[in-house]
Amino acid sequence: ILFFSFILIDNFYIGYMIGLSLPLWALWFASFVKKMSV
């Protein structure tokens, strides 16, 4: 939470693009570590 806040504060424009990608990364990580759940 704190580091993503830093990303958004550092440059909100690129931070927005990164934010769009994080749900996909979270899904991929969850499937990879076999801890997928809603």
All heavy atoms as atom14 arrays in JSON, in Angstrom:
{
  "sequence": "ILFFSFILIDNFYIGYMIGLSLPLWALWFASFVKKMSV",
  "atom14_mask": [
    [1, 1, 1, 1, 1, 1, 1, 1, 0, 0, 0, 0, 0, 0],
    [1, 1, 1, 1, 1, 1, 1, 1, 0, 0, 0, 0, 0, 0],
    [1, 1, 1, 1, 1, 1, 1, 1, 1, 1, 1, 0, 0, 0],
    [1, 1, 1, 1, 1, 1, 1, 1, 1, 1, 1, 0, 0, 0],
    [1, 1, 1, 1, 1, 1, 0, 0, 0, 0, 0, 0, 0, 0],
    [1, 1, 1, 1, 1, 1, 1, 1, 1, 1, 1, 0, 0, 0],
    [1, 1, 1, 1, 1, 1, 1, 1, 0, 0, 0, 0, 0, 0],
    [1, 1, 1, 1, 1, 1, 1, 1, 0, 0, 0, 0, 0, 0],
    [1, 1, 1, 1, 1, 1, 1, 1, 0, 0, 0, 0, 0, 0],
    [1, 1, 1, 1, 1, 1, 1, 1, 0, 0, 0, 0, 0, 0],
    [1, 1, 1, 1, 1, 1, 1, 1, 0, 0, 0, 0, 0, 0],
    [1, 1, 1, 1, 1, 1, 1, 1, 1, 1, 1, 0, 0, 0],
    [1, 1, 1, 1, 1, 1, 1, 1, 1, 1, 1, 1, 0, 0],
    [1, 1, 1, 1, 1, 1, 1, 1, 0, 0, 0, 0, 0, 0],
    [1, 1, 1, 1, 0, 0, 0, 0, 0, 0, 0, 0, 0, 0],
    [1, 1, 1, 1, 1, 1, 1, 1, 1, 1, 1, 1, 0, 0],
    [1, 1, 1, 1, 1, 1, 1, 1, 0, 0, 0, 0, 0, 0],
    [1, 1, 1, 1, 1, 1, 1, 1, 0, 0, 0, 0, 0, 0],
    [1, 1, 1, 1, 0, 0, 0, 0, 0, 0, 0, 0, 0, 0],
    [1, 1, 1, 1, 1, 1, 1, 1, 0, 0, 0, 0, 0, 0],
    [1, 1, 1, 1, 1, 1, 0, 0, 0, 0, 0, 0, 0, 0],
    [1, 1, 1, 1, 1, 1, 1, 1, 0, 0, 0, 0, 0, 0],
    [1, 1, 1, 1, 1, 1, 1, 0, 0, 0, 0, 0, 0, 0],
    [1, 1, 1, 1, 1, 1, 1, 1, 0, 0, 0, 0, 0, 0],
    [1, 1, 1, 1, 1, 1, 1, 1, 1, 1, 1, 1, 1, 1],
    [1, 1, 1, 1, 1, 0, 0, 0, 0, 0, 0, 0, 0, 0],
    [1, 1, 1, 1, 1, 1, 1, 1, 0, 0, 0, 0, 0, 0],
    [1, 1, 1, 1, 1, 1, 1, 1, 1, 1, 1, 1, 1, 1],
    [1, 1, 1, 1, 1, 1, 1, 1, 1, 1, 1, 0, 0, 0],
    [1, 1, 1, 1, 1, 0, 0, 0, 0, 0, 0, 0, 0, 0],
    [1, 1, 1, 1, 1, 1, 0, 0, 0, 0, 0, 0, 0, 0],
    [1, 1, 1, 1, 1, 1, 1, 1, 1, 1, 1, 0, 0, 0],
    [1, 1, 1, 1, 1, 1, 1, 0, 0, 0, 0, 0, 0, 0],
    [1, 1, 1, 1, 1, 1, 1, 1, 1, 0, 0, 0, 0, 0],
    [1, 1, 1, 1, 1, 1, 1, 1, 1, 0, 0, 0, 0, 0],
    [1, 1, 1, 1, 1, 1, 1, 1, 0, 0, 0, 0, 0, 0],
    [1, 1, 1, 1, 1, 1, 0, 0, 0, 0, 0, 0, 0, 0],
    [1, 1, 1, 1, 1, 1, 1, 0, 0, 0, 0, 0, 0, 0]
  ],
  "atom14_positions": [
    [[0.83, -1.2, 0.0], [0.0, 0.0, 0.0], [0.87, 1.26, 0.0], [0.66, 2.19, -0.78], [-0.95, 0.0, 1.22], [-2.02, -1.07, 1.05], [-1.61, 1.37, 1.39], [-2.94, -1.22, 2.25], [0.0, 0.0, 0.0], [0.0, 0.0, 0.0], [0.0, 0.0, 0.0], [0.0, 0.0, 0.0], [0.0, 0.0, 0.0], [0.0, 0.0, 0.0]],
    [[1.87, 1.28, 0.85], [2.72, 2.47, 0.96], [3.56, 2.69, -0.29], [3.73, 3.83, -0.75], [3.63, 2.34, 2.2], [2.92, 2.35, 3.55], [3.93, 2.17, 4.68], [2.13, 3.64, 3.74], [0.0, 0.0, 0.0], [0.0, 0.0, 0.0], [0.0, 0.0, 0.0], [0.0, 0.0, 0.0], [0.0, 0.0, 0.0], [0.0, 0.0, 0.0]],
    [[4.07, 1.6, -0.86], [4.93, 1.78, -2.03], [4.12, 2.15, -3.26], [4.59, 2.93, -4.1], [5.76, 0.52, -2.29], [6.96, 0.78, -3.16], [8.04, 1.49, -2.67], [6.99, 0.35, -4.47], [9.15, 1.75, -3.47], [8.09, 0.61, -5.28], [9.17, 1.31, -4.78], [0.0, 0.0, 0.0], [0.0, 0.0, 0.0], [0.0, 0.0, 0.0]],
    [[2.92, 1.61, -3.4], [2.07, 2.02, -4.52], [1.68, 3.49, -4.36], [1.57, 4.22, -5.35], [0.84, 1.12, -4.62], [-0.02, 1.4, -5.82], [0.54, 1.68, -7.06], [-1.41, 1.41, -5.72], [-0.25, 1.94, -8.18], [-2.21, 1.67, -6.81], [-1.64, 1.94, -8.05], [0.0, 0.0, 0.0], [0.0, 0.0, 0.0], [0.0, 0.0, 0.0]],
    [[1.49, 3.94, -3.12], [1.24, 5.36, -2.87], [2.42, 6.2, -3.36], [2.24, 7.25, -3.98], [1.0, 5.61, -1.38], [-0.1, 4.89, -0.91], [0.0, 0.0, 0.0], [0.0, 0.0, 0.0], [0.0, 0.0, 0.0], [0.0, 0.0, 0.0], [0.0, 0.0, 0.0], [0.0, 0.0, 0.0], [0.0, 0.0, 0.0], [0.0, 0.0, 0.0]],
    [[3.64, 5.73, -3.06], [4.83, 6.43, -3.53], [4.86, 6.49, -5.06], [5.19, 7.53, -5.65], [6.09, 5.72, -3.02], [7.34, 6.06, -3.77], [7.97, 7.28, -3.58], [7.87, 5.17, -4.7], [9.12, 7.6, -4.3], [9.01, 5.49, -5.42], [9.65, 6.71, -5.21], [0.0, 0.0, 0.0], [0.0, 0.0, 0.0], [0.0, 0.0, 0.0]],
    [[4.51, 5.38, -5.72], [4.48, 5.34, -7.18], [3.52, 6.39, -7.73], [3.83, 7.12, -8.69], [4.07, 3.93, -7.66], [5.15, 2.9, -7.35], [3.72, 3.93, -9.15], [6.4, 3.01, -8.17], [0.0, 0.0, 0.0], [0.0, 0.0, 0.0], [0.0, 0.0, 0.0], [0.0, 0.0, 0.0], [0.0, 0.0, 0.0], [0.0, 0.0, 0.0]],
    [[2.33, 6.49, -7.13], [1.33, 7.45, -7.6], [1.77, 8.89, -7.35], [1.5, 9.79, -8.16], [0.0, 7.18, -6.9], [-0.7, 5.87, -7.27], [-1.89, 5.62, -6.35], [-1.16, 5.9, -8.72], [0.0, 0.0, 0.0], [0.0, 0.0, 0.0], [0.0, 0.0, 0.0], [0.0, 0.0, 0.0], [0.0, 0.0, 0.0], [0.0, 0.0, 0.0]],
    [[2.42, 9.13, -6.23], [2.89, 10.48, -5.91], [4.07, 10.87, -6.79], [4.16, 12.01, -7.26], [3.27, 10.56, -4.41], [2.02, 10.46, -3.55], [4.02, 11.86, -4.11], [2.3, 10.32, -2.07], [0.0, 0.0, 0.0], [0.0, 0.0, 0.0], [0.0, 0.0, 0.0], [0.0, 0.0, 0.0], [0.0, 0.0, 0.0], [0.0, 0.0, 0.0]],
    [[4.96, 9.93, -7.04], [6.16, 10.2, -7.84], [5.78, 10.68, -9.23], [6.28, 11.7, -9.71], [7.01, 8.93, -7.94], [8.38, 9.19, -8.52], [8.46, 9.76, -9.62], [9.38, 8.83, -7.89], [0.0, 0.0, 0.0], [0.0, 0.0, 0.0], [0.0, 0.0, 0.0], [0.0, 0.0, 0.0], [0.0, 0.0, 0.0], [0.0, 0.0, 0.0]],
    [[4.89, 9.97, -9.9], [4.37, 10.41, -11.2], [3.01, 9.76, -11.41], [2.92, 8.57, -11.71], [5.34, 10.05, -12.33], [4.91, 10.67, -13.66], [4.09, 10.11, -14.37], [5.47, 11.82, -13.98], [0.0, 0.0, 0.0], [0.0, 0.0, 0.0], [0.0, 0.0, 0.0], [0.0, 0.0, 0.0], [0.0, 0.0, 0.0], [0.0, 0.0, 0.0]],
    [[1.97, 10.54, -11.24], [0.61, 10.0, -11.28], [0.27, 9.41, -12.65], [-0.53, 8.48, -12.75], [-0.41, 11.09, -10.92], [-0.52, 12.18, -11.96], [-1.42, 12.09, -13.02], [0.28, 13.31, -11.87], [-1.5, 13.09, -13.96], [0.2, 14.32, -12.82], [-0.69, 14.21, -13.88], [0.0, 0.0, 0.0], [0.0, 0.0, 0.0], [0.0, 0.0, 0.0]],
    [[0.89, 9.92, -13.71], [0.57, 9.49, -15.08], [1.02, 8.05, -15.31], [0.23, 7.19, -15.7], [1.24, 10.45, -16.05], [0.97, 10.2, -17.51], [-0.33, 10.16, -17.99], [2.01, 10.05, -18.41], [-0.58, 9.97, -19.35], [1.77, 9.86, -19.76], [0.48, 9.81, -20.23], [0.23, 9.6, -21.56], [0.0, 0.0, 0.0], [0.0, 0.0, 0.0]],
    [[2.29, 7.77, -15.06], [2.8, 6.41, -15.2], [2.21, 5.53, -14.09], [1.95, 4.34, -14.3], [4.34, 6.39, -15.14], [4.91, 7.26, -16.27], [4.86, 4.97, -15.27], [4.56, 6.79, -17.67], [0.0, 0.0, 0.0], [0.0, 0.0, 0.0], [0.0, 0.0, 0.0], [0.0, 0.0, 0.0], [0.0, 0.0, 0.0], [0.0, 0.0, 0.0]],
    [[1.97, 6.12, -12.92], [1.35, 5.38, -11.83], [-0.02, 4.86, -12.21], [-0.42, 3.75, -11.82], [0.0, 0.0, 0.0], [0.0, 0.0, 0.0], [0.0, 0.0, 0.0], [0.0, 0.0, 0.0], [0.0, 0.0, 0.0], [0.0, 0.0, 0.0], [0.0, 0.0, 0.0], [0.0, 0.0, 0.0], [0.0, 0.0, 0.0], [0.0, 0.0, 0.0]],
    [[-0.78, 5.65, -12.97], [-2.09, 5.21, -13.48], [-1.94, 3.97, -14.36], [-2.69, 3.0, -14.22], [-2.73, 6.36, -14.26], [-3.86, 5.94, -15.17], [-5.15, 5.76, -14.68], [-3.63, 5.73, -16.53], [-6.18, 5.37, -15.53], [-4.64, 5.34, -17.39], [-5.92, 5.15, -16.88], [-6.94, 4.76, -17.72], [0.0, 0.0, 0.0], [0.0, 0.0, 0.0]],
    [[-0.97, 3.99, -15.27], [-0.74, 2.85, -16.16], [-0.36, 1.6, -15.36], [-0.82, 0.49, -15.65], [0.37, 3.18, -17.16], [0.06, 4.35, -18.06], [1.46, 4.78, -19.11], [0.91, 6.36, -19.78], [0.0, 0.0, 0.0], [0.0, 0.0, 0.0], [0.0, 0.0, 0.0], [0.0, 0.0, 0.0], [0.0, 0.0, 0.0], [0.0, 0.0, 0.0]],
    [[0.48, 1.81, -14.35], [0.88, 0.69, -13.49], [-0.32, 0.14, -12.75], [-0.5, -1.08, -12.62], [1.99, 1.14, -12.52], [3.31, 1.34, -13.27], [2.17, 0.15, -11.37], [4.42, 1.92, -12.44], [0.0, 0.0, 0.0], [0.0, 0.0, 0.0], [0.0, 0.0, 0.0], [0.0, 0.0, 0.0], [0.0, 0.0, 0.0], [0.0, 0.0, 0.0]],
    [[-1.18, 1.05, -12.25], [-2.37, 0.61, -11.52], [-3.27, -0.26, -12.37], [-3.87, -1.23, -11.87], [0.0, 0.0, 0.0], [0.0, 0.0, 0.0], [0.0, 0.0, 0.0], [0.0, 0.0, 0.0], [0.0, 0.0, 0.0], [0.0, 0.0, 0.0], [0.0, 0.0, 0.0], [0.0, 0.0, 0.0], [0.0, 0.0, 0.0], [0.0, 0.0, 0.0]],
    [[-3.38, 0.05, -13.67], [-4.2, -0.78, -14.56], [-3.67, -2.21, -14.65], [-4.43, -3.16, -14.84], [-4.25, -0.17, -15.96], [-5.12, 1.06, -16.19], [-5.06, 1.47, -17.66], [-6.57, 0.79, -15.79], [0.0, 0.0, 0.0], [0.0, 0.0, 0.0], [0.0, 0.0, 0.0], [0.0, 0.0, 0.0], [0.0, 0.0, 0.0], [0.0, 0.0, 0.0]],
    [[-2.36, -2.37, -14.5], [-1.75, -3.69, -14.68], [-1.79, -4.54, -13.41], [-1.68, -5.77, -13.49], [-0.29, -3.55, -15.12], [0.55, -3.14, -14.04], [0.0, 0.0, 0.0], [0.0, 0.0, 0.0], [0.0, 0.0, 0.0], [0.0, 0.0, 0.0], [0.0, 0.0, 0.0], [0.0, 0.0, 0.0], [0.0, 0.0, 0.0], [0.0, 0.0, 0.0]],
    [[-1.94, -3.92, -12.24], [-1.78, -4.66, -10.99], [-2.83, -5.76, -10.77], [-2.48, -6.84, -10.28], [-1.78, -3.68, -9.81], [-0.57, -2.74, -9.74], [-0.67, -1.82, -8.53], [0.75, -3.52, -9.71], [0.0, 0.0, 0.0], [0.0, 0.0, 0.0], [0.0, 0.0, 0.0], [0.0, 0.0, 0.0], [0.0, 0.0, 0.0], [0.0, 0.0, 0.0]],
    [[-4.11, -5.55, -11.11], [-5.06, -6.67, -10.96], [-4.67, -7.89, -11.78], [-4.82, -9.03, -11.32], [-6.39, -6.07, -11.43], [-6.25, -4.6, -11.18], [-4.81, -4.3, -11.47], [0.0, 0.0, 0.0], [0.0, 0.0, 0.0], [0.0, 0.0, 0.0], [0.0, 0.0, 0.0], [0.0, 0.0, 0.0], [0.0, 0.0, 0.0], [0.0, 0.0, 0.0]],
    [[-4.15, -7.67, -12.99], [-3.71, -8.79, -13.82], [-2.52, -9.51, -13.2], [-2.47, -10.74, -13.17], [-3.36, -8.3, -15.23], [-4.53, -8.04, -16.18], [-4.04, -7.35, -17.44], [-5.25, -9.33, -16.52], [0.0, 0.0, 0.0], [0.0, 0.0, 0.0], [0.0, 0.0, 0.0], [0.0, 0.0, 0.0], [0.0, 0.0, 0.0], [0.0, 0.0, 0.0]],
    [[-1.56, -8.72, -12.7], [-0.41, -9.32, -12.01], [-0.87, -10.1, -10.78], [-0.36, -11.19, -10.5], [0.59, -8.24, -11.6], [1.55, -7.8, -12.67], [1.52, -6.63, -13.35], [2.68, -8.53, -13.18], [2.56, -6.56, -14.24], [3.3, -7.72, -14.16], [3.23, -9.77, -12.89], [4.43, -8.11, -14.85], [4.37, -10.17, -13.59], [4.95, -9.35, -14.55]],
    [[-1.82, -9.54, -10.02], [-2.3, -10.22, -8.81], [-2.94, -11.56, -9.17], [-2.71, -12.57, -8.48], [-3.3, -9.32, -8.08], [0.0, 0.0, 0.0], [0.0, 0.0, 0.0], [0.0, 0.0, 0.0], [0.0, 0.0, 0.0], [0.0, 0.0, 0.0], [0.0, 0.0, 0.0], [0.0, 0.0, 0.0], [0.0, 0.0, 0.0], [0.0, 0.0, 0.0]],
    [[-3.74, -11.58, -10.22], [-4.34, -12.84, -10.67], [-3.27, -13.84, -11.07], [-3.35, -15.02, -10.73], [-5.27, -12.57, -11.86], [-6.65, -11.98, -11.56], [-7.33, -11.56, -12.85], [-7.51, -13.0, -10.81], [0.0, 0.0, 0.0], [0.0, 0.0, 0.0], [0.0, 0.0, 0.0], [0.0, 0.0, 0.0], [0.0, 0.0, 0.0], [0.0, 0.0, 0.0]],
    [[-2.26, -13.35, -11.79], [-1.2, -14.25, -12.27], [-0.39, -14.8, -11.1], [-0.1, -15.99, -11.03], [-0.29, -13.51, -13.25], [0.63, -14.41, -13.99], [0.34, -15.18, -15.07], [2.02, -14.65, -13.68], [1.46, -15.88, -15.47], [2.5, -15.57, -14.64], [2.89, -14.17, -12.71], [3.82, -16.02, -14.64], [4.2, -14.61, -12.72], [4.65, -15.53, -13.67]],
    [[-0.02, -13.92, -10.16], [0.71, -14.38, -8.97], [-0.11, -15.39, -8.18], [0.42, -16.41, -7.72], [1.06, -13.19, -8.07], [2.14, -12.28, -8.62], [2.16, -10.93, -8.29], [3.15, -12.77, -9.44], [3.14, -10.08, -8.78], [4.13, -11.94, -9.94], [4.13, -10.59, -9.61], [0.0, 0.0, 0.0], [0.0, 0.0, 0.0], [0.0, 0.0, 0.0]],
    [[-1.41, -15.1, -7.99], [-2.26, -16.0, -7.21], [-2.35, -17.38, -7.86], [-2.33, -18.4, -7.17], [-3.65, -15.39, -7.06], [0.0, 0.0, 0.0], [0.0, 0.0, 0.0], [0.0, 0.0, 0.0], [0.0, 0.0, 0.0], [0.0, 0.0, 0.0], [0.0, 0.0, 0.0], [0.0, 0.0, 0.0], [0.0, 0.0, 0.0], [0.0, 0.0, 0.0]],
    [[-2.43, -17.4, -9.17], [-2.48, -18.7, -9.86], [-1.14, -19.42, -9.78], [-1.09, -20.64, -9.67], [-2.87, -18.5, -11.33], [-1.82, -17.89, -12.07], [0.0, 0.0, 0.0], [0.0, 0.0, 0.0], [0.0, 0.0, 0.0], [0.0, 0.0, 0.0], [0.0, 0.0, 0.0], [0.0, 0.0, 0.0], [0.0, 0.0, 0.0], [0.0, 0.0, 0.0]],
    [[-0.06, -18.65, -9.76], [1.27, -19.25, -9.75], [1.59, -19.85, -8.38], [2.21, -20.92, -8.3], [2.32, -18.19, -10.1], [3.54, -18.76, -10.77], [3.57, -18.94, -12.15], [4.65, -19.13, -10.04], [4.69, -19.47, -12.77], [5.77, -19.65, -10.65], [5.79, -19.83, -12.03], [0.0, 0.0, 0.0], [0.0, 0.0, 0.0], [0.0, 0.0, 0.0]],
    [[1.16, -19.17, -7.31], [1.43, -19.69, -5.96], [0.28, -20.56, -5.45], [0.26, -20.97, -4.3], [1.71, -18.56, -4.96], [2.93, -17.77, -5.37], [0.5, -17.64, -4.81], [0.0, 0.0, 0.0], [0.0, 0.0, 0.0], [0.0, 0.0, 0.0], [0.0, 0.0, 0.0], [0.0, 0.0, 0.0], [0.0, 0.0, 0.0], [0.0, 0.0, 0.0]],
    [[-0.7, -20.79, -6.37], [-1.86, -21.66, -6.06], [-2.64, -21.16, -4.85], [-3.01, -21.93, -3.95], [-1.39, -23.1, -5.84], [-0.77, -23.73, -7.09], [-0.31, -25.14, -6.83], [0.14, -25.83, -8.11], [1.24, -25.13, -8.78], [0.0, 0.0, 0.0], [0.0, 0.0, 0.0], [0.0, 0.0, 0.0], [0.0, 0.0, 0.0], [0.0, 0.0, 0.0]],
    [[-2.89, -19.84, -4.82], [-3.71, -19.26, -3.76], [-4.78, -18.36, -4.37], [-5.06, -17.26, -3.89], [-2.83, -18.47, -2.78], [-1.91, -19.37, -1.96], [-1.22, -18.59, -0.86], [-0.37, -19.52, 0.01], [0.31, -18.81, 1.13], [0.0, 0.0, 0.0], [0.0, 0.0, 0.0], [0.0, 0.0, 0.0], [0.0, 0.0, 0.0], [0.0, 0.0, 0.0]],
    [[-5.39, -18.85, -5.43], [-6.4, -18.09, -6.14], [-7.72, -18.11, -5.38], [-8.21, -19.18, -5.01], [-6.59, -18.67, -7.55], [-7.69, -18.01, -8.36], [-7.18, -16.42, -9.04], [-6.13, -16.98, -10.38], [0.0, 0.0, 0.0], [0.0, 0.0, 0.0], [0.0, 0.0, 0.0], [0.0, 0.0, 0.0], [0.0, 0.0, 0.0], [0.0, 0.0, 0.0]],
    [[-8.28, -16.93, -5.12], [-9.6, -16.83, -4.53], [-10.13, -15.43, -4.78], [-9.37, -14.47, -4.92], [-9.56, -17.12, -3.02], [-8.91, -16.07, -2.33], [0.0, 0.0, 0.0], [0.0, 0.0, 0.0], [0.0, 0.0, 0.0], [0.0, 0.0, 0.0], [0.0, 0.0, 0.0], [0.0, 0.0, 0.0], [0.0, 0.0, 0.0], [0.0, 0.0, 0.0]],
    [[-11.45, -15.31, -4.83], [-12.08, -14.0, -5.03], [-11.74, -13.06, -3.88], [-11.45, -11.88, -4.09], [-13.61, -14.16, -5.17], [-14.29, -12.79, -5.24], [-13.96, -15.0, -6.4], [0.0, 0.0, 0.0], [0.0, 0.0, 0.0], [0.0, 0.0, 0.0], [0.0, 0.0, 0.0], [0.0, 0.0, 0.0], [0.0, 0.0, 0.0], [0.0, 0.0, 0.0]]
  ]
}
